[in-house]
Amino acid sequence: MRRILATTLALVPWALAPLLAKDNEPAKRLVEAAAVFSEVMAAPDKGIPDEMLEHAHCIVIVPGLKTAAFVFGGKYGKGYLSCRNKSGAGWSAPGTVRIEGGSVGFQIGGSETDLIMLVMNERGADKLLSSKFTLGAEGSVAAGPSGSRRSHAAAGSR
């Protein structure tokens, strides 16, 4: 399962490169997303568990999600989404996603994080792709120049 997804994510940038020759930013971002997934899966005892990946309906990879804050904060990142084919075998071609948002409160700092989200069912994918999707109630801690980041968020929608 890991190999199929990793191979798909690794080969798609090369297949799309001629189509994106004018503006190579999307192709570069797709290569970065594939590299992020490969790095996470290659990390011993830290990759996404096979059982979770096998049951996931979609995967979202946003390389380099940027957050910054000083009382007012914001986040921004672009990445890719791939969902399982209707037959259940294989994954769809990647589609682009953009994550952006703002916040107000006691906060200071900035970070850049490679984000991987698993969407576990079709309803979750529909909510994610709707224009009214929101994430809230987030708490996170980041440390060091390339430090670990732990985060928890409760999802909701309007």
C-alpha atoms as a PDB file:
ATOM      1  CA  MET A   1       0.000   0.000   0.000  1.00  0.00           C
ATOM      2  CA  ARG A   2       2.798   2.415   0.943  1.00  0.00           C
ATOM      3  CA  ARG A   3       4.712   1.564  -2.189  1.00  0.00           C
ATOM      4  CA  ILE A   4       1.735   2.165  -4.477  1.00  0.00           C
ATOM      5  CA  LEU A   5       1.011   5.587  -2.957  1.00  0.00           C
ATOM      6  CA  ALA A   6       4.689   6.554  -2.824  1.00  0.00           C
ATOM      7  CA  THR A   7       5.192   5.472  -6.448  1.00  0.00           C
ATOM      8  CA  THR A   8       2.095   7.367  -7.578  1.00  0.00           C
ATOM      9  CA  LEU A   9       3.164  10.537  -5.778  1.00  0.00           C
ATOM     10  CA  ALA A  10       6.722  10.195  -7.093  1.00  0.00           C
ATOM     11  CA  LEU A  11       5.775   9.611 -10.744  1.00  0.00           C
ATOM     12  CA  VAL A  12       2.996  12.180 -11.139  1.00  0.00           C
ATOM     13  CA  PRO A  13       5.340  15.215 -11.088  1.00  0.00           C
ATOM     14  CA  TRP A  14       7.323  13.817 -13.996  1.00  0.00           C
ATOM     15  CA  ALA A  15       4.163  13.006 -15.952  1.00  0.00           C
ATOM     16  CA  LEU A  16       2.768  16.517 -15.420  1.00  0.00           C
ATOM     17  CA  ALA A  17       6.031  18.399 -15.945  1.00  0.00           C
ATOM     18  CA  PRO A  18       5.501  19.055 -19.685  1.00  0.00           C
ATOM     19  CA  LEU A  19       2.026  20.453 -18.995  1.00  0.00           C
ATOM     20  CA  LEU A  20       3.370  22.777 -16.318  1.00  0.00           C
ATOM     21  CA  ALA A  21       6.481  23.900 -18.195  1.00  0.00           C
ATOM     22  CA  LYS A  22       5.420  27.576 -18.234  1.00  0.00           C
ATOM     23  CA  ASP A  23       4.971  27.847 -14.480  1.00  0.00           C
ATOM     24  CA  ASN A  24       6.998  25.222 -12.667  1.00  0.00           C
ATOM     25  CA  GLU A  25       5.890  26.233  -9.125  1.00  0.00           C
ATOM     26  CA  PRO A  26       3.071  23.605  -9.032  1.00  0.00           C
ATOM     27  CA  ALA A  27       5.409  20.893 -10.336  1.00  0.00           C
ATOM     28  CA  LYS A  28       8.055  21.869  -7.764  1.00  0.00           C
ATOM     29  CA  ARG A  29       5.437  21.775  -4.986  1.00  0.00           C
ATOM     30  CA  LEU A  30       4.277  18.330  -6.142  1.00  0.00           C
ATOM     31  CA  VAL A  31       7.845  17.036  -6.025  1.00  0.00           C
ATOM     32  CA  GLU A  32       8.177  18.514  -2.510  1.00  0.00           C
ATOM     33  CA  ALA A  33       4.925  16.809  -1.428  1.00  0.00           C
ATOM     34  CA  ALA A  34       6.191  13.458  -2.714  1.00  0.00           C
ATOM     35  CA  ALA A  35       9.500  14.003  -0.903  1.00  0.00           C
ATOM     36  CA  VAL A  36       7.696  14.857   2.362  1.00  0.00           C
ATOM     37  CA  PHE A  37       5.618  11.675   2.148  1.00  0.00           C
ATOM     38  CA  SER A  38       8.671   9.548   1.337  1.00  0.00           C
ATOM     39  CA  GLU A  39      10.656  11.035   4.230  1.00  0.00           C
ATOM     40  CA  VAL A  40       7.844  10.451   6.727  1.00  0.00           C
ATOM     41  CA  MET A  41       7.290   6.870   5.597  1.00  0.00           C
ATOM     42  CA  ALA A  42      11.030   6.135   5.665  1.00  0.00           C
ATOM     43  CA  ALA A  43      11.425   7.321   9.266  1.00  0.00           C
ATOM     44  CA  PRO A  44      11.724   4.228  11.466  1.00  0.00           C
ATOM     45  CA  ASP A  45       8.829   3.892  13.926  1.00  0.00           C
ATOM     46  CA  LYS A  46       7.561   7.362  13.002  1.00  0.00           C
ATOM     47  CA  GLY A  47       5.842   6.810   9.658  1.00  0.00           C
ATOM     48  CA  ILE A  48       2.107   6.677   9.163  1.00  0.00           C
ATOM     49  CA  PRO A  49       0.890   3.256  10.319  1.00  0.00           C
ATOM     50  CA  ASP A  50      -0.038   0.948   7.418  1.00  0.00           C
ATOM     51  CA  GLU A  51      -3.437   0.248   8.966  1.00  0.00           C
ATOM     52  CA  MET A  52      -4.343   3.951   8.971  1.00  0.00           C
ATOM     53  CA  LEU A  53      -3.105   4.445   5.425  1.00  0.00           C
ATOM     54  CA  GLU A  54      -5.034   1.387   4.200  1.00  0.00           C
ATOM     55  CA  HIS A  55      -8.278   2.758   5.652  1.00  0.00           C
ATOM     56  CA  ALA A  56      -7.779   6.379   4.588  1.00  0.00           C
ATOM     57  CA  HIS A  57     -10.138   7.744   1.951  1.00  0.00           C
ATOM     58  CA  CYS A  58      -7.855  10.677   1.024  1.00  0.00           C
ATOM     59  CA  ILE A  59      -4.444  12.061   1.884  1.00  0.00           C
ATOM     60  CA  VAL A  60      -3.539  15.758   1.933  1.00  0.00           C
ATOM     61  CA  ILE A  61       0.108  16.843   1.862  1.00  0.00           C
ATOM     62  CA  VAL A  62       1.065  20.501   2.313  1.00  0.00           C
ATOM     63  CA  PRO A  63       4.837  20.980   2.257  1.00  0.00           C
ATOM     64  CA  GLY A  64       6.037  24.092   4.050  1.00  0.00           C
ATOM     65  CA  LEU A  65       2.830  25.314   5.760  1.00  0.00           C
ATOM     66  CA  LYS A  66       3.839  28.703   7.160  1.00  0.00           C
ATOM     67  CA  THR A  67       2.439  30.213  10.367  1.00  0.00           C
ATOM     68  CA  ALA A  68       3.346  33.521  11.982  1.00  0.00           C
ATOM     69  CA  ALA A  69       1.827  35.511  14.820  1.00  0.00           C
ATOM     70  CA  PHE A  70       2.186  38.461  17.128  1.00  0.00           C
ATOM     71  CA  VAL A  71      -1.243  38.881  18.754  1.00  0.00           C
ATOM     72  CA  PHE A  72      -2.713  38.547  15.238  1.00  0.00           C
ATOM     73  CA  GLY A  73      -1.658  35.431  13.391  1.00  0.00           C
ATOM     74  CA  GLY A  74      -2.005  33.740  10.066  1.00  0.00           C
ATOM     75  CA  LYS A  75      -1.205  30.545   8.235  1.00  0.00           C
ATOM     76  CA  TYR A  76      -0.798  29.797   4.565  1.00  0.00           C
ATOM     77  CA  GLY A  77       0.233  26.826   2.489  1.00  0.00           C
ATOM     78  CA  LYS A  78      -0.418  25.083  -0.797  1.00  0.00           C
ATOM     79  CA  GLY A  79      -0.344  21.359  -1.337  1.00  0.00           C
ATOM     80  CA  TYR A  80      -2.021  18.367  -2.919  1.00  0.00           C
ATOM     81  CA  LEU A  81      -4.891  16.011  -2.218  1.00  0.00           C
ATOM     82  CA  SER A  82      -5.263  12.472  -3.556  1.00  0.00           C
ATOM     83  CA  CYS A  83      -8.264  10.217  -2.884  1.00  0.00           C
ATOM     84  CA  ARG A  84      -8.894   6.554  -3.454  1.00  0.00           C
ATOM     85  CA  ASN A  85     -10.484   5.603  -6.748  1.00  0.00           C
ATOM     86  CA  LYS A  86     -14.146   4.582  -6.585  1.00  0.00           C
ATOM     87  CA  SER A  87     -13.113   0.950  -7.112  1.00  0.00           C
ATOM     88  CA  GLY A  88     -10.964   1.166  -3.959  1.00  0.00           C
ATOM     89  CA  ALA A  89      -7.800   0.176  -5.851  1.00  0.00           C
ATOM     90  CA  GLY A  90      -5.208   2.883  -6.401  1.00  0.00           C
ATOM     91  CA  TRP A  91      -5.318   6.642  -5.898  1.00  0.00           C
ATOM     92  CA  SER A  92      -6.646   9.533  -7.975  1.00  0.00           C
ATOM     93  CA  ALA A  93      -4.488  12.084  -9.688  1.00  0.00           C
ATOM     94  CA  PRO A  94      -3.517  14.834  -7.244  1.00  0.00           C
ATOM     95  CA  GLY A  95      -5.649  17.940  -6.911  1.00  0.00           C
ATOM     96  CA  THR A  96      -4.450  21.219  -5.447  1.00  0.00           C
ATOM     97  CA  VAL A  97      -5.472  22.475  -2.009  1.00  0.00           C
ATOM     98  CA  ARG A  98      -4.777  25.707  -0.199  1.00  0.00           C
ATOM     99  CA  ILE A  99      -4.794  26.193   3.561  1.00  0.00           C
ATOM    100  CA  GLU A 100      -5.157  29.685   4.914  1.00  0.00           C
ATOM    101  CA  GLY A 101      -6.489  31.245   8.052  1.00  0.00           C
ATOM    102  CA  GLY A 102      -6.104  33.855  10.729  1.00  0.00           C
ATOM    103  CA  SER A 103      -6.288  34.065  14.490  1.00  0.00           C
ATOM    104  CA  VAL A 104      -6.316  36.543  17.356  1.00  0.00           C
ATOM    105  CA  GLY A 105      -5.067  35.956  20.886  1.00  0.00           C
ATOM    106  CA  PHE A 106      -2.025  35.460  23.068  1.00  0.00           C
ATOM    107  CA  GLN A 107       0.481  34.221  20.515  1.00  0.00           C
ATOM    108  CA  ILE A 108       3.926  35.024  19.213  1.00  0.00           C
ATOM    109  CA  GLY A 109       6.293  33.250  16.849  1.00  0.00           C
ATOM    110  CA  GLY A 110       6.441  31.546  13.529  1.00  0.00           C
ATOM    111  CA  SER A 111       7.026  28.138  12.035  1.00  0.00           C
ATOM    112  CA  GLU A 112       7.140  26.183   8.829  1.00  0.00           C
ATOM    113  CA  THR A 113       5.722  22.674   8.979  1.00  0.00           C
ATOM    114  CA  ASP A 114       5.199  19.860   6.502  1.00  0.00           C
ATOM    115  CA  LEU A 115       1.560  18.855   7.019  1.00  0.00           C
ATOM    116  CA  ILE A 116       0.073  15.442   6.220  1.00  0.00           C
ATOM    117  CA  MET A 117      -3.624  14.841   6.888  1.00  0.00           C
ATOM    118  CA  LEU A 118      -5.496  11.593   6.400  1.00  0.00           C
ATOM    119  CA  VAL A 119      -9.199  11.856   5.612  1.00  0.00           C
ATOM    120  CA  MET A 120     -10.793   8.650   6.800  1.00  0.00           C
ATOM    121  CA  ASN A 121     -14.169   8.682   4.981  1.00  0.00           C
ATOM    122  CA  GLU A 122     -16.021  10.200   2.036  1.00  0.00           C
ATOM    123  CA  ARG A 123     -18.003  12.554   4.262  1.00  0.00           C
ATOM    124  CA  GLY A 124     -14.740  13.984   5.623  1.00  0.00           C
ATOM    125  CA  ALA A 125     -13.463  14.517   2.079  1.00  0.00           C
ATOM    126  CA  ASP A 126     -16.675  16.310   1.134  1.00  0.00           C
ATOM    127  CA  LYS A 127     -16.339  18.594   4.180  1.00  0.00           C
ATOM    128  CA  LEU A 128     -12.689  19.260   3.418  1.00  0.00           C
ATOM    129  CA  LEU A 129     -13.454  20.238  -0.169  1.00  0.00           C
ATOM    130  CA  SER A 130     -16.429  22.459   0.695  1.00  0.00           C
ATOM    131  CA  SER A 131     -15.691  26.176   0.842  1.00  0.00           C
ATOM    132  CA  LYS A 132     -17.123  26.369   4.374  1.00  0.00           C
ATOM    133  CA  PHE A 133     -14.685  23.956   6.002  1.00  0.00           C
ATOM    134  CA  THR A 134     -12.997  25.281   9.142  1.00  0.00           C
ATOM    135  CA  LEU A 135     -10.579  23.943  11.708  1.00  0.00           C
ATOM    136  CA  GLY A 136     -10.816  25.210  15.245  1.00  0.00           C
ATOM    137  CA  ALA A 137      -9.754  24.676  18.842  1.00  0.00           C
ATOM    138  CA  GLU A 138      -6.099  24.213  17.970  1.00  0.00           C
ATOM    139  CA  GLY A 139      -3.268  23.947  20.415  1.00  0.00           C
ATOM    140  CA  SER A 140       0.327  23.445  19.304  1.00  0.00           C
ATOM    141  CA  VAL A 141       3.947  23.705  20.364  1.00  0.00           C
ATOM    142  CA  ALA A 142       6.997  23.996  18.119  1.00  0.00           C
ATOM    143  CA  ALA A 143      10.647  23.915  19.201  1.00  0.00           C
ATOM    144  CA  GLY A 144      14.051  24.367  17.609  1.00  0.00           C
ATOM    145  CA  PRO A 145      15.124  25.275  14.090  1.00  0.00           C
ATOM    146  CA  SER A 146      14.096  21.849  12.789  1.00  0.00           C
ATOM    147  CA  GLY A 147      12.397  20.704  15.960  1.00  0.00           C
ATOM    148  CA  SER A 148       9.474  18.474  16.579  1.00  0.00           C
ATOM    149  CA  ARG A 149       5.982  19.828  16.454  1.00  0.00           C
ATOM    150  CA  ARG A 150       3.020  18.337  18.220  1.00  0.00           C
ATOM    151  CA  SER A 151      -0.447  19.547  17.429  1.00  0.00           C
ATOM    152  CA  HIS A 152      -4.028  18.664  18.071  1.00  0.00           C
ATOM    153  CA  ALA A 153      -7.041  20.164  16.396  1.00  0.00           C
ATOM    154  CA  ALA A 154     -10.739  19.539  16.638  1.00  0.00           C
ATOM    155  CA  ALA A 155     -12.474  19.786  13.288  1.00  0.00           C
ATOM    156  CA  GLY A 156     -15.811  21.367  12.684  1.00  0.00           C
ATOM    157  CA  SER A 157     -17.779  22.886   9.867  1.00  0.00           C
ATOM    158  CA  ARG A 158     -20.284  25.641   9.382  1.00  0.00           C
END
